[in-house]
């Protein structure tokens, strides 16, 4: 309903859902089915094609745009609307990640409605590649699929790669994955432990980028730099210009944290649909930001800290959860971790770590803090540790951290 969509395409698996929700979408005028099933309130694509007129069709102005919804991990999803643009504009960035060869076989491991899996699959089709789609991700099945189809490229969120490298070594040894030339990771910070194990298993094929649904691919880290620049998401992608600015819009010094801004380039979003206020909050003239904080080193490599809203301010000191999470991920009993600030009457906020324990292991809060002290400055060591039974995730595998954090701020004047 938010998108004002008037036509819906649906495969057989989604028809029961469409039947339940179509009455709540008054603007919807037509449902087109893509499979074998029929519904009295829908039209089959095959029937439309059979009745098609051979007369030429004159496309209206503006045809070819898109609107993808943000993941909603930090709030309510927003429709990021784009005008139609030249697909060739993105080719230099794809080439930098080694995924434009026509003979590539691209594996889709995540949901196609998510901007990255769907985008990479679309570009793979555009350059004539074979695309293999997993209906549901399973770590061993992914390896089996890579071997069976000799897949050469894929995009995976960090959670999916973590599930692969956490498979028992004897399971991973069963599969020949030498065909893989480019594994692209993004969507969330990827723990260094996971990167190291991906390189050890697949070889030097791991590429990482920083970007967003709104702003596309902005930086690229190549396999040669993954270990040389731990924690980095790479340098500016081809034809992309970045700036790190303070709260007053002034550039920060090398090594200092600043909000990441991207100069407008072809293919970026035009704005959030029906949300002018949120759109205006992303802009400083021709520069755009989704609120991430980063620093850059003397060689031009960027290091993403966190979303500005996720930064913890404790006793006036800025603390970035991503650094603490990366350290705790190295503990052998940690399956996953989310670090965030919770209210503190004296310090404003204190560091809280929510830990998901790996099956078959045990872990206490004292053990977590002792491990953290070995790897982090004292003020970054979690003052509180919890062990939630479930970690809330979206279907792309991204952690919805706000669902863990918000209960601690309930009833407060501020939420972060």
Protein backbone atom coordinates (compact mmCIF):
# COMPACT_ATOMS: atom_id res chain seq x y z
CA UNK A 1 0.00 0.00 0.00
CA UNK A 2 2.84 2.41 0.77
CA UNK A 3 4.23 1.98 -2.75
CA UNK A 4 0.86 2.71 -4.44
CA UNK A 5 1.46 -0.37 -6.62
CA UNK A 6 -1.39 -1.10 -9.05
CA UNK A 7 -0.05 -4.36 -10.53
CA UNK A 8 1.36 -7.36 -8.65
CA UNK A 9 3.23 -10.34 -10.14
CA UNK A 10 3.08 -13.48 -7.98
CA UNK A 11 4.40 -17.01 -8.23
CA UNK A 12 2.38 -19.99 -7.02
CA UNK A 13 4.05 -20.09 -3.60
CA UNK A 14 2.90 -16.53 -2.85
CA UNK A 15 -0.74 -16.80 -3.95
CA UNK A 16 -2.11 -17.69 -0.48
CA UNK A 17 -0.38 -14.59 0.92
CA UNK A 18 -1.74 -12.41 -1.89
CA UNK A 19 -5.23 -13.71 -1.20
CA UNK A 20 -4.92 -12.65 2.43
CA UNK A 21 -3.58 -9.14 1.83
CA UNK A 22 -5.11 -7.97 -1.46
CA UNK A 23 -8.20 -6.67 0.32
CA UNK A 24 -5.97 -4.31 2.30
CA UNK A 25 -4.42 -2.78 -0.84
CA UNK A 26 -7.24 -0.71 -2.39
CA UNK A 27 -5.03 0.71 -5.16
CA UNK A 28 -4.17 -2.76 -6.50
CA UNK A 29 -5.94 -3.22 -9.85
CA UNK A 30 -4.36 -6.34 -11.31
CA UNK A 31 -2.67 -9.53 -10.08
CA UNK A 32 -0.67 -11.50 -12.65
CA UNK A 33 0.25 -15.09 -11.85
CA UNK A 34 3.57 -16.52 -13.00
CA UNK A 35 3.04 -20.24 -12.32
CA UNK A 36 0.58 -22.99 -13.15
CA UNK A 37 -2.11 -22.14 -10.60
CA UNK A 38 -5.09 -19.98 -11.47
CA UNK A 39 -7.26 -17.66 -9.37
CA UNK A 40 -10.56 -16.00 -10.36
CA UNK A 41 -9.21 -12.62 -9.18
CA UNK A 42 -5.96 -12.89 -11.18
CA UNK A 43 -4.76 -13.13 -14.76
CA UNK A 44 -2.16 -15.66 -15.90
CA UNK A 45 0.93 -14.24 -17.61
CA UNK A 46 0.63 -16.88 -20.33
CA UNK A 47 -2.87 -15.69 -21.18
CA UNK A 48 -1.67 -12.11 -21.45
CA UNK A 49 1.17 -13.11 -23.76
CA UNK A 50 -1.18 -15.17 -25.95
CA UNK A 51 -3.49 -12.17 -26.36
CA UNK A 52 -0.63 -9.75 -26.99
CA UNK A 53 -0.90 -7.35 -29.91
CA UNK A 54 2.06 -7.18 -32.34
CA UNK A 55 1.60 -3.42 -32.62
CA UNK A 56 4.64 -1.43 -31.43
CA UNK A 57 4.42 0.01 -27.96
CA UNK A 58 5.51 3.56 -27.26
CA UNK A 59 7.13 3.71 -23.84
CA UNK A 60 6.19 6.70 -21.68
CA UNK A 61 8.82 9.01 -20.27
CA UNK A 62 10.45 7.77 -17.08
CA UNK A 63 9.90 4.06 -17.77
CA UNK A 64 12.64 1.88 -16.31
CA UNK A 65 12.96 3.27 -12.81
CA UNK A 66 12.71 1.23 -9.64
CA UNK A 67 11.81 1.45 -5.98
CA UNK A 68 13.45 -0.89 -3.51
CA UNK A 69 12.62 -0.78 0.17
CA UNK A 70 15.35 -0.36 2.75
CA UNK A 71 15.89 -3.33 5.05
CA UNK A 72 14.30 -1.67 8.07
CA UNK A 73 16.98 -2.90 10.48
CA UNK A 74 17.20 0.59 12.03
CA UNK A 75 13.57 1.63 11.62
CA UNK A 76 10.53 1.32 9.36
CA UNK A 77 11.44 0.35 5.75
CA UNK A 78 11.40 3.24 3.27
CA UNK A 79 10.92 3.09 -0.49
CA UNK A 80 14.15 4.26 -2.17
CA UNK A 81 13.00 5.52 -5.57
CA UNK A 82 15.32 5.67 -8.60
CA UNK A 83 14.88 7.07 -12.06
CA UNK A 84 15.88 4.96 -15.01
CA UNK A 85 19.63 5.17 -15.72
CA UNK A 86 22.19 3.71 -18.09
CA UNK A 87 23.03 0.19 -16.84
CA UNK A 88 26.55 0.63 -18.20
CA UNK A 89 27.26 3.19 -15.47
CA UNK A 90 27.64 0.43 -12.88
CA UNK A 91 29.93 -1.79 -14.98
CA UNK A 92 33.24 -0.31 -13.72
CA UNK A 93 32.24 -1.13 -10.13
CA UNK A 94 31.18 -4.66 -11.06
CA UNK A 95 34.42 -5.16 -12.98
CA UNK A 96 36.39 -4.11 -9.90
CA UNK A 97 34.75 -7.04 -8.09
CA UNK A 98 35.48 -9.43 -10.97
CA UNK A 99 31.91 -10.37 -11.80
CA UNK A 100 31.23 -9.22 -15.38
CA UNK A 101 32.52 -12.13 -17.51
CA UNK A 102 29.73 -13.48 -19.77
CA UNK A 103 30.69 -17.07 -18.88
CA UNK A 104 30.30 -16.49 -15.13
CA UNK A 105 27.78 -18.57 -13.20
CA UNK A 106 26.26 -16.43 -10.45
CA UNK A 107 24.82 -17.99 -7.29
CA UNK A 108 21.93 -16.15 -5.61
CA UNK A 109 22.10 -17.08 -1.93
CA UNK A 110 19.90 -14.34 -0.44
CA UNK A 111 16.35 -13.07 -1.04
CA UNK A 112 15.90 -11.38 -4.39
CA UNK A 113 13.85 -8.53 -2.94
CA UNK A 114 16.94 -7.41 -1.02
CA UNK A 115 18.85 -4.79 -3.00
CA UNK A 116 22.21 -6.61 -3.16
CA UNK A 117 21.15 -10.20 -4.09
CA UNK A 118 18.54 -8.85 -6.49
CA UNK A 119 20.89 -6.27 -7.97
CA UNK A 120 23.77 -8.66 -8.59
CA UNK A 121 21.38 -11.21 -10.12
CA UNK A 122 19.93 -8.56 -12.45
CA UNK A 123 23.36 -7.41 -13.62
CA UNK A 124 24.42 -11.04 -14.12
CA UNK A 125 21.46 -11.48 -16.48
CA UNK A 126 22.29 -8.20 -18.21
CA UNK A 127 25.78 -9.37 -19.21
CA UNK A 128 24.59 -12.83 -20.28
CA UNK A 129 25.61 -14.92 -17.27
CA UNK A 130 23.93 -18.04 -15.92
CA UNK A 131 22.09 -17.39 -12.64
CA UNK A 132 21.50 -20.15 -10.09
CA UNK A 133 18.94 -19.35 -7.36
CA UNK A 134 18.77 -21.08 -3.98
CA UNK A 135 15.16 -21.17 -2.77
CA UNK A 136 16.36 -21.20 0.83
CA UNK A 137 19.89 -20.84 2.14
CA UNK A 138 21.59 -23.81 3.74
CA UNK A 139 25.36 -23.73 4.23
CA UNK A 140 26.15 -27.24 3.02
CA UNK A 141 23.64 -26.99 0.20
CA UNK A 142 25.40 -23.81 -0.94
CA UNK A 143 28.68 -25.72 -1.24
CA UNK A 144 26.91 -28.55 -3.04
CA UNK A 145 25.35 -26.04 -5.45
CA UNK A 146 28.69 -24.35 -6.14
CA UNK A 147 30.24 -27.72 -7.00
CA UNK A 148 27.27 -28.95 -9.08
CA UNK A 149 26.92 -25.81 -11.22
CA UNK A 150 30.57 -24.69 -11.08
CA UNK A 151 29.47 -21.31 -9.74
CA UNK A 152 32.02 -18.54 -10.13
CA UNK A 153 30.48 -15.54 -8.35
CA UNK A 154 28.09 -14.87 -5.48
CA UNK A 155 26.97 -12.21 -3.05
CA UNK A 156 26.51 -13.27 0.57
CA UNK A 157 25.75 -11.33 3.73
CA UNK A 158 28.27 -11.99 6.55
CA UNK A 159 25.84 -14.30 8.37
CA UNK A 160 25.72 -16.68 5.40
CA UNK A 161 29.50 -16.81 5.04
CA UNK A 162 29.78 -17.42 8.77
CA UNK A 163 27.47 -20.43 8.48
CA UNK A 164 29.69 -21.86 5.75
CA UNK A 165 33.01 -21.46 7.56
CA UNK A 166 31.43 -22.80 10.77
CA UNK A 167 30.59 -26.10 9.08
CA UNK A 168 32.79 -28.96 10.33
CA UNK A 169 36.03 -29.20 8.34
CA UNK A 170 35.17 -32.74 7.22
CA UNK A 171 31.93 -31.43 5.68
CA UNK A 172 33.65 -28.59 3.79
CA UNK A 173 36.27 -31.00 2.44
CA UNK A 174 33.60 -32.95 0.57
CA UNK A 175 33.02 -30.20 -1.96
CA UNK A 176 35.11 -28.79 -4.80
CA UNK A 177 34.66 -25.01 -4.73
CA UNK A 178 37.68 -24.11 -6.85
CA UNK A 179 35.40 -22.65 -9.55
CA UNK A 180 34.62 -19.65 -7.32
CA UNK A 181 36.33 -16.45 -8.53
CA UNK A 182 34.47 -13.74 -6.64
CA UNK A 183 32.65 -13.89 -3.30
CA UNK A 184 31.20 -10.47 -2.48
CA UNK A 185 30.28 -9.59 1.08
CA UNK A 186 28.43 -6.53 2.37
CA UNK A 187 25.17 -5.51 4.13
CA UNK A 188 26.71 -5.62 7.63
CA UNK A 189 30.17 -5.64 9.23
CA UNK A 190 31.93 -8.94 8.52
CA UNK A 191 34.03 -10.25 11.45
CA UNK A 192 37.73 -10.60 10.61
CA UNK A 193 37.63 -14.21 11.80
CA UNK A 194 35.07 -14.99 9.12
CA UNK A 195 37.09 -13.18 6.44
CA UNK A 196 40.23 -15.10 7.38
CA UNK A 197 38.45 -18.44 7.22
CA UNK A 198 36.77 -17.61 3.90
CA UNK A 199 40.19 -16.87 2.38
CA UNK A 200 41.63 -20.06 3.86
CA UNK A 201 38.83 -22.20 2.38
CA UNK A 202 37.99 -20.53 -0.94
CA UNK A 203 41.31 -18.83 -1.67
CA UNK A 204 41.91 -15.13 -2.58
CA UNK A 205 38.41 -14.47 -3.92
CA UNK A 206 36.79 -12.35 -1.18
CA UNK A 207 35.65 -8.85 -2.14
CA UNK A 208 33.91 -6.49 0.26
CA UNK A 209 32.05 -3.30 -0.46
CA UNK A 210 30.41 -0.56 1.54
CA UNK A 211 27.13 0.75 0.21
CA UNK A 212 23.40 0.95 0.76
CA UNK A 213 20.07 0.49 -0.95
CA UNK A 214 19.97 4.26 -1.47
CA UNK A 215 23.53 5.00 -2.56
CA UNK A 216 24.70 1.79 -4.28
CA UNK A 217 28.30 0.52 -4.16
CA UNK A 218 30.62 3.19 -2.70
CA UNK A 219 33.88 1.44 -1.69
CA UNK A 220 35.54 -1.83 -2.69
CA UNK A 221 38.09 -3.94 -0.84
CA UNK A 222 39.97 -6.47 -2.99
CA UNK A 223 41.24 -9.88 -1.81
CA UNK A 224 44.84 -8.61 -1.78
CA UNK A 225 43.93 -6.10 0.94
CA UNK A 226 41.60 -8.12 3.18
CA UNK A 227 44.40 -9.21 5.52
CA UNK A 228 46.65 -6.22 4.89
CA UNK A 229 43.92 -3.78 5.93
CA UNK A 230 41.95 -5.57 8.67
CA UNK A 231 38.58 -3.97 9.33
CA UNK A 232 38.61 -1.88 6.16
CA UNK A 233 35.85 -1.86 3.54
CA UNK A 234 38.25 -0.63 0.88
CA UNK A 235 38.90 2.49 -1.17
CA UNK A 236 36.47 4.58 -3.19
CA UNK A 237 34.81 2.55 -5.93
CA UNK A 238 35.35 3.61 -9.57
CA UNK A 239 33.63 6.92 -10.37
CA UNK A 240 32.56 7.43 -6.72
CA UNK A 241 33.66 10.35 -4.53
CA UNK A 242 33.43 10.18 -0.72
CA UNK A 243 33.82 12.74 2.04
CA UNK A 244 33.90 12.36 5.83
CA UNK A 245 32.27 15.36 7.51
CA UNK A 246 31.76 16.50 11.10
CA UNK A 247 28.42 17.70 12.48
CA UNK A 248 29.01 21.15 10.99
CA UNK A 249 29.70 19.77 7.52
CA UNK A 250 33.48 20.27 7.64
CA UNK A 251 35.91 17.57 6.42
CA UNK A 252 37.60 15.64 9.24
CA UNK A 253 41.32 14.87 9.40
CA UNK A 254 42.82 11.56 8.30
CA UNK A 255 42.19 8.95 10.99
CA UNK A 256 39.35 10.91 12.61
CA UNK A 257 35.73 9.68 12.51
CA UNK A 258 33.20 11.52 10.37
CA UNK A 259 29.85 10.89 8.75
CA UNK A 260 30.17 9.30 5.31
CA UNK A 261 28.84 11.41 2.42
CA UNK A 262 28.73 10.39 -1.24
CA UNK A 263 28.69 12.91 -4.10
CA UNK A 264 25.71 12.28 -6.32
CA UNK A 265 26.41 9.97 -9.27
CA UNK A 266 24.29 8.22 -11.88
CA UNK A 267 22.31 5.36 -10.36
CA UNK A 268 21.83 6.75 -6.86
CA UNK A 269 18.34 7.04 -5.44
CA UNK A 270 16.27 10.18 -6.03
CA UNK A 271 14.59 10.13 -2.63
CA UNK A 272 12.32 8.22 -0.28
CA UNK A 273 8.84 7.77 -1.70
CA UNK A 274 6.26 9.95 0.06
CA UNK A 275 8.82 10.91 2.71
CA UNK A 276 10.32 14.30 1.87
CA UNK A 277 11.50 14.85 5.44
CA UNK A 278 13.59 11.67 5.51
CA UNK A 279 14.98 12.51 2.07
CA UNK A 280 16.08 15.96 3.18
CA UNK A 281 17.90 14.45 6.15
CA UNK A 282 20.18 12.51 3.78
CA UNK A 283 21.38 15.54 1.81
CA UNK A 284 23.99 18.29 2.05
CA UNK A 285 23.71 19.89 -1.36
CA UNK A 286 24.95 17.34 -3.91
CA UNK A 287 26.26 15.05 -1.15
CA UNK A 288 24.21 12.22 0.39
CA UNK A 289 24.52 10.14 3.56
CA UNK A 290 22.63 7.27 5.21
CA UNK A 291 24.15 8.12 8.59
CA UNK A 292 27.19 5.84 8.74
CA UNK A 293 30.37 6.92 10.53
CA UNK A 294 33.85 6.03 9.24
CA UNK A 295 37.50 7.01 9.25
CA UNK A 296 40.00 6.94 6.40
CA UNK A 297 43.72 6.15 6.57
CA UNK A 298 46.60 7.80 4.72
CA UNK A 299 46.28 5.33 1.81
CA UNK A 300 42.60 6.11 1.25
CA UNK A 301 41.16 2.97 2.85
CA UNK A 302 37.88 3.48 4.71
CA UNK A 303 36.87 1.85 7.99
CA UNK A 304 33.17 1.92 8.82
CA UNK A 305 32.42 2.40 12.49
CA UNK A 306 28.64 2.27 12.85
CA UNK A 307 25.48 4.08 12.07
CA UNK A 308 25.57 7.43 13.81
CA UNK A 309 22.53 6.41 15.84
CA UNK A 310 24.29 3.20 17.01
CA UNK A 311 27.32 5.00 18.43
CA UNK A 312 27.53 4.77 22.23
CA UNK A 313 28.39 7.95 24.16
CA UNK A 314 29.55 6.97 27.63
CA UNK A 315 30.92 9.65 29.97
CA UNK A 316 31.45 11.86 26.91
CA UNK A 317 33.50 9.24 25.05
CA UNK A 318 32.40 7.93 21.63
CA UNK A 319 32.39 4.12 21.48
CA UNK A 320 31.74 2.23 18.24
CA UNK A 321 29.96 -1.14 18.72
CA UNK A 322 31.38 -2.69 15.54
CA UNK A 323 34.90 -2.77 17.03
CA UNK A 324 33.68 -4.54 20.17
CA UNK A 325 31.57 -6.98 18.16
CA UNK A 326 34.52 -7.89 15.96
CA UNK A 327 36.66 -8.65 19.02
CA UNK A 328 34.01 -10.79 20.72
CA UNK A 329 33.35 -12.75 17.52
CA UNK A 330 36.78 -14.33 18.02
CA UNK A 331 35.66 -16.12 21.19
CA UNK A 332 35.10 -19.80 20.30
CA UNK A 333 31.81 -19.96 22.23
CA UNK A 334 30.26 -16.90 20.52
CA UNK A 335 27.83 -17.64 17.71
CA UNK A 336 26.81 -14.01 17.28
CA UNK A 337 26.98 -10.74 19.21
CA UNK A 338 25.21 -7.39 19.24
CA UNK A 339 26.68 -4.46 21.17
CA UNK A 340 24.64 -1.35 21.98
CA UNK A 341 24.27 1.39 24.56
CA UNK A 342 21.77 1.17 27.44
CA UNK A 343 20.78 3.96 29.85
CA UNK A 344 23.14 4.81 32.70
CA UNK A 345 22.33 7.46 35.29
CA UNK A 346 25.98 8.43 35.79
CA UNK A 347 27.57 7.94 32.36
CA UNK A 348 24.59 8.56 30.07
CA UNK A 349 25.07 5.17 28.42
CA UNK A 350 26.97 2.00 29.23
CA UNK A 351 28.14 -0.76 26.91
CA UNK A 352 25.86 -3.79 26.70
CA UNK A 353 26.72 -7.00 24.80
CA UNK A 354 23.98 -9.43 23.80
CA UNK A 355 25.58 -12.80 23.11
CA UNK A 356 24.24 -15.78 21.19
CA UNK A 357 26.12 -18.85 22.43
CA UNK A 358 27.31 -21.42 19.93
CA UNK A 359 25.53 -24.80 20.26
CA UNK A 360 27.39 -27.19 22.56
CA UNK A 361 29.24 -24.40 24.37
CA UNK A 362 28.76 -22.52 27.62
CA UNK A 363 29.68 -18.95 28.45
CA UNK A 364 29.27 -16.58 31.38
CA UNK A 365 29.20 -12.79 31.56
CA UNK A 366 32.47 -12.79 33.51
CA UNK A 367 34.14 -14.88 30.81
CA UNK A 368 32.92 -12.46 28.15
CA UNK A 369 34.32 -9.47 30.02
CA UNK A 370 37.64 -11.23 30.70
CA UNK A 371 38.01 -12.04 27.01
CA UNK A 372 37.11 -8.47 26.04
CA UNK A 373 39.78 -7.05 28.36
CA UNK A 374 42.42 -9.04 26.48
CA UNK A 375 41.50 -7.34 23.20
CA UNK A 376 39.96 -3.95 24.01
CA UNK A 377 40.59 -0.83 26.04
CA UNK A 378 38.88 -0.93 29.42
CA UNK A 379 36.23 1.68 28.57
CA UNK A 380 35.07 -0.51 25.65
CA UNK A 381 34.61 -3.65 27.76
CA UNK A 382 30.88 -4.45 28.14
CA UNK A 383 29.54 -3.49 31.56
CA UNK A 384 26.50 -5.67 30.96
CA UNK A 385 26.13 -9.00 29.15
CA UNK A 386 22.92 -10.79 28.24
CA UNK A 387 22.23 -14.10 26.51
CA UNK A 388 18.99 -13.83 24.45
CA UNK A 389 17.56 -17.13 23.25
CA UNK A 390 16.85 -15.70 19.81
CA UNK A 391 18.59 -13.07 17.70
CA UNK A 392 16.00 -11.25 15.54
CA UNK A 393 16.93 -11.21 11.85
CA UNK A 394 15.34 -10.25 8.58
CA UNK A 395 15.10 -12.81 5.80
CA UNK A 396 18.40 -11.58 4.34
CA UNK A 397 20.15 -12.66 7.55
CA UNK A 398 20.76 -9.11 8.82
CA UNK A 399 20.48 -8.64 12.56
CA UNK A 400 17.67 -6.29 13.64
CA UNK A 401 19.62 -4.78 16.52
CA UNK A 402 16.93 -2.31 17.52
CA UNK A 403 14.70 -5.19 18.65
CA UNK A 404 17.35 -6.16 21.20
CA UNK A 405 18.12 -2.57 22.21
CA UNK A 406 14.70 -0.88 22.35
CA UNK A 407 13.36 -2.64 25.48
CA UNK A 408 16.16 -1.07 27.53
CA UNK A 409 15.04 2.41 26.42
CA UNK A 410 11.29 1.90 26.87
CA UNK A 411 9.68 4.82 28.70
CA UNK A 412 12.69 7.12 28.20
CA UNK A 413 12.58 10.55 26.58
CA UNK A 414 15.28 9.42 24.15
CA UNK A 415 15.81 6.03 22.55
CA UNK A 416 19.52 6.23 21.68
